[in-house]
Amino acid sequence: MSESDRDTNFFESVYEVAALIPAGRVTSYGAIARYLGSARSSRMVGWAMNNSFSSDRNIPAHRVVNRNGSLTGKHHFPNEHEMQRRLEAEGIKIMDDQVVNFSDVFWDPNLELKVL
């Protein structure tokens, strides 16, 4: 299997997990990476989220934030405020590009899902 094929398969796995994040909840790049058994691949999860906009599927990339609840991926949305707008439409409070009460709305796939 080529490196490109491995990346494509990893991205697809990331998308499968992201698609399961309930509205009104967020998770982190690292939580998805750990769930997929690649704890050191949180940056690659970020690349997958950035690439999700070219997918035909509706991937809720706005629900994936950094480990502190910061909207670090906001620059990859159609405009700088779109990620915040989508999260707020789901009832998540944002202040200064940060999820308020992050631990209360955090969705951990390792606790919520069985292994894919």
C-alpha atoms as a PDB file:
ATOM      1  CA  MET A   1       0.000   0.000   0.000  1.00  0.00           C
ATOM      2  CA  SER A   2       1.409   3.387  -0.963  1.00  0.00           C
ATOM      3  CA  GLU A   3       1.717   6.283   1.476  1.00  0.00           C
ATOM      4  CA  SER A   4      -0.994   8.111  -0.475  1.00  0.00           C
ATOM      5  CA  ASP A   5      -3.353   5.130  -0.067  1.00  0.00           C
ATOM      6  CA  ARG A   6      -2.607   5.014   3.687  1.00  0.00           C
ATOM      7  CA  ASP A   7      -3.357   8.740   3.968  1.00  0.00           C
ATOM      8  CA  THR A   8      -6.607   8.319   2.021  1.00  0.00           C
ATOM      9  CA  ASN A   9      -7.674   5.417   4.252  1.00  0.00           C
ATOM     10  CA  PHE A  10      -6.751   7.381   7.385  1.00  0.00           C
ATOM     11  CA  PHE A  11      -8.694  10.423   6.153  1.00  0.00           C
ATOM     12  CA  GLU A  12     -11.735   8.217   5.475  1.00  0.00           C
ATOM     13  CA  SER A  13     -11.505   6.796   8.996  1.00  0.00           C
ATOM     14  CA  VAL A  14     -11.303  10.343  10.383  1.00  0.00           C
ATOM     15  CA  TYR A  15     -14.392  11.307   8.380  1.00  0.00           C
ATOM     16  CA  GLU A  16     -16.306   8.290   9.713  1.00  0.00           C
ATOM     17  CA  VAL A  17     -15.591   9.349  13.292  1.00  0.00           C
ATOM     18  CA  ALA A  18     -16.294  13.049  12.641  1.00  0.00           C
ATOM     19  CA  ALA A  19     -19.648  12.150  11.093  1.00  0.00           C
ATOM     20  CA  LEU A  20     -20.663  10.602  14.436  1.00  0.00           C
ATOM     21  CA  ILE A  21     -20.051  13.714  16.556  1.00  0.00           C
ATOM     22  CA  PRO A  22     -23.501  14.798  17.732  1.00  0.00           C
ATOM     23  CA  ALA A  23     -24.736  18.317  17.070  1.00  0.00           C
ATOM     24  CA  GLY A  24     -24.014  20.525  20.057  1.00  0.00           C
ATOM     25  CA  ARG A  25     -20.826  18.624  20.949  1.00  0.00           C
ATOM     26  CA  VAL A  26     -17.176  18.966  19.926  1.00  0.00           C
ATOM     27  CA  THR A  27     -14.132  16.748  19.960  1.00  0.00           C
ATOM     28  CA  SER A  28     -10.447  17.319  19.392  1.00  0.00           C
ATOM     29  CA  TYR A  29      -7.995  16.302  16.711  1.00  0.00           C
ATOM     30  CA  GLY A  30      -6.097  14.304  19.318  1.00  0.00           C
ATOM     31  CA  ALA A  31      -9.178  12.463  20.573  1.00  0.00           C
ATOM     32  CA  ILE A  32      -9.931  11.277  17.046  1.00  0.00           C
ATOM     33  CA  ALA A  33      -6.292  10.272  16.527  1.00  0.00           C
ATOM     34  CA  ARG A  34      -6.257   8.280  19.786  1.00  0.00           C
ATOM     35  CA  TYR A  35      -9.530   6.573  18.883  1.00  0.00           C
ATOM     36  CA  LEU A  36      -8.026   5.506  15.559  1.00  0.00           C
ATOM     37  CA  GLY A  37      -4.966   4.087  17.332  1.00  0.00           C
ATOM     38  CA  SER A  38      -2.636   6.819  16.069  1.00  0.00           C
ATOM     39  CA  ALA A  39      -2.197   9.015  19.125  1.00  0.00           C
ATOM     40  CA  ARG A  40       0.644  10.977  17.521  1.00  0.00           C
ATOM     41  CA  SER A  41      -1.382  11.804  14.414  1.00  0.00           C
ATOM     42  CA  SER A  42      -3.522  14.708  15.622  1.00  0.00           C
ATOM     43  CA  ARG A  43      -1.923  16.979  13.023  1.00  0.00           C
ATOM     44  CA  MET A  44      -2.913  14.501  10.317  1.00  0.00           C
ATOM     45  CA  VAL A  45      -6.484  14.573  11.647  1.00  0.00           C
ATOM     46  CA  GLY A  46      -6.306  18.337  11.169  1.00  0.00           C
ATOM     47  CA  TRP A  47      -5.169  17.856   7.571  1.00  0.00           C
ATOM     48  CA  ALA A  48      -8.093  15.493   7.036  1.00  0.00           C
ATOM     49  CA  MET A  49     -10.504  18.102   8.403  1.00  0.00           C
ATOM     50  CA  ASN A  50      -8.968  20.744   6.118  1.00  0.00           C
ATOM     51  CA  ASN A  51      -9.325  18.360   3.183  1.00  0.00           C
ATOM     52  CA  SER A  52     -12.940  17.504   4.093  1.00  0.00           C
ATOM     53  CA  PHE A  53     -14.219  20.537   2.211  1.00  0.00           C
ATOM     54  CA  SER A  54     -13.318  18.811  -1.060  1.00  0.00           C
ATOM     55  CA  SER A  55     -15.325  15.712  -0.084  1.00  0.00           C
ATOM     56  CA  ASP A  56     -18.776  14.999  -1.492  1.00  0.00           C
ATOM     57  CA  ARG A  57     -19.861  13.984   2.003  1.00  0.00           C
ATOM     58  CA  ASN A  58     -21.119  16.399   4.609  1.00  0.00           C
ATOM     59  CA  ILE A  59     -18.352  16.228   7.214  1.00  0.00           C
ATOM     60  CA  PRO A  60     -19.027  18.314  10.361  1.00  0.00           C
ATOM     61  CA  ALA A  61     -15.470  19.658  10.517  1.00  0.00           C
ATOM     62  CA  HIS A  62     -16.698  22.582  12.616  1.00  0.00           C
ATOM     63  CA  ARG A  63     -17.130  20.162  15.532  1.00  0.00           C
ATOM     64  CA  VAL A  64     -13.404  19.336  15.659  1.00  0.00           C
ATOM     65  CA  VAL A  65     -11.237  21.768  17.624  1.00  0.00           C
ATOM     66  CA  ASN A  66      -7.830  21.682  19.267  1.00  0.00           C
ATOM     67  CA  ARG A  67      -7.138  20.087  22.653  1.00  0.00           C
ATOM     68  CA  ASN A  68      -7.944  23.341  24.465  1.00  0.00           C
ATOM     69  CA  GLY A  69     -11.185  24.015  22.624  1.00  0.00           C
ATOM     70  CA  SER A  70      -9.701  26.658  20.327  1.00  0.00           C
ATOM     71  CA  LEU A  71     -11.098  27.106  16.820  1.00  0.00           C
ATOM     72  CA  THR A  72      -7.721  26.582  15.168  1.00  0.00           C
ATOM     73  CA  GLY A  73      -9.313  25.279  11.954  1.00  0.00           C
ATOM     74  CA  LYS A  74     -11.461  28.354  11.360  1.00  0.00           C
ATOM     75  CA  HIS A  75      -9.236  29.626   8.550  1.00  0.00           C
ATOM     76  CA  HIS A  76     -10.167  26.637   6.397  1.00  0.00           C
ATOM     77  CA  PHE A  77     -13.868  27.513   6.294  1.00  0.00           C
ATOM     78  CA  PRO A  78     -15.426  29.690   3.579  1.00  0.00           C
ATOM     79  CA  ASN A  79     -14.977  32.714   5.846  1.00  0.00           C
ATOM     80  CA  GLU A  80     -13.228  33.318   9.141  1.00  0.00           C
ATOM     81  CA  HIS A  81     -16.450  33.323  11.197  1.00  0.00           C
ATOM     82  CA  GLU A  82     -18.202  30.307   9.647  1.00  0.00           C
ATOM     83  CA  MET A  83     -16.867  27.732  12.115  1.00  0.00           C
ATOM     84  CA  GLN A  84     -18.055  29.824  15.061  1.00  0.00           C
ATOM     85  CA  ARG A  85     -21.404  30.504  13.373  1.00  0.00           C
ATOM     86  CA  ARG A  86     -22.042  26.769  12.865  1.00  0.00           C
ATOM     87  CA  LEU A  87     -21.092  25.889  16.440  1.00  0.00           C
ATOM     88  CA  GLU A  88     -23.245  28.661  17.887  1.00  0.00           C
ATOM     89  CA  ALA A  89     -26.169  27.515  15.720  1.00  0.00           C
ATOM     90  CA  GLU A  90     -25.856  24.179  17.579  1.00  0.00           C
ATOM     91  CA  GLY A  91     -25.899  25.880  20.973  1.00  0.00           C
ATOM     92  CA  ILE A  92     -22.160  25.914  21.665  1.00  0.00           C
ATOM     93  CA  LYS A  93     -20.930  29.146  23.190  1.00  0.00           C
ATOM     94  CA  ILE A  94     -17.739  30.653  21.779  1.00  0.00           C
ATOM     95  CA  MET A  95     -15.695  33.473  23.264  1.00  0.00           C
ATOM     96  CA  ASP A  96     -12.440  34.740  21.737  1.00  0.00           C
ATOM     97  CA  ASP A  97     -12.268  31.764  19.318  1.00  0.00           C
ATOM     98  CA  GLN A  98     -12.565  29.316  22.223  1.00  0.00           C
ATOM     99  CA  VAL A  99     -15.344  26.900  23.195  1.00  0.00           C
ATOM    100  CA  VAL A 100     -16.823  28.034  26.514  1.00  0.00           C
ATOM    101  CA  ASN A 101     -17.257  25.160  29.001  1.00  0.00           C
ATOM    102  CA  PHE A 102     -15.218  22.941  26.703  1.00  0.00           C
ATOM    103  CA  SER A 103     -15.229  19.968  29.086  1.00  0.00           C
ATOM    104  CA  ASP A 104     -19.033  20.066  29.279  1.00  0.00           C
ATOM    105  CA  VAL A 105     -19.526  19.759  25.509  1.00  0.00           C
ATOM    106  CA  PHE A 106     -16.492  17.574  24.787  1.00  0.00           C
ATOM    107  CA  TRP A 107     -17.375  14.310  23.032  1.00  0.00           C
ATOM    108  CA  ASP A 108     -14.713  11.623  23.440  1.00  0.00           C
ATOM    109  CA  PRO A 109     -15.002   8.899  20.791  1.00  0.00           C
ATOM    110  CA  ASN A 110     -12.988   6.576  23.047  1.00  0.00           C
ATOM    111  CA  LEU A 111     -15.824   6.708  25.576  1.00  0.00           C
ATOM    112  CA  GLU A 112     -18.774   7.089  23.211  1.00  0.00           C
ATOM    113  CA  LEU A 113     -17.950   4.587  20.468  1.00  0.00           C
ATOM    114  CA  LYS A 114     -16.896   1.026  20.146  1.00  0.00           C
ATOM    115  CA  VAL A 115     -13.746   0.486  18.099  1.00  0.00           C
ATOM    116  CA  LEU A 116     -14.383   0.846  14.366  1.00  0.00           C
END
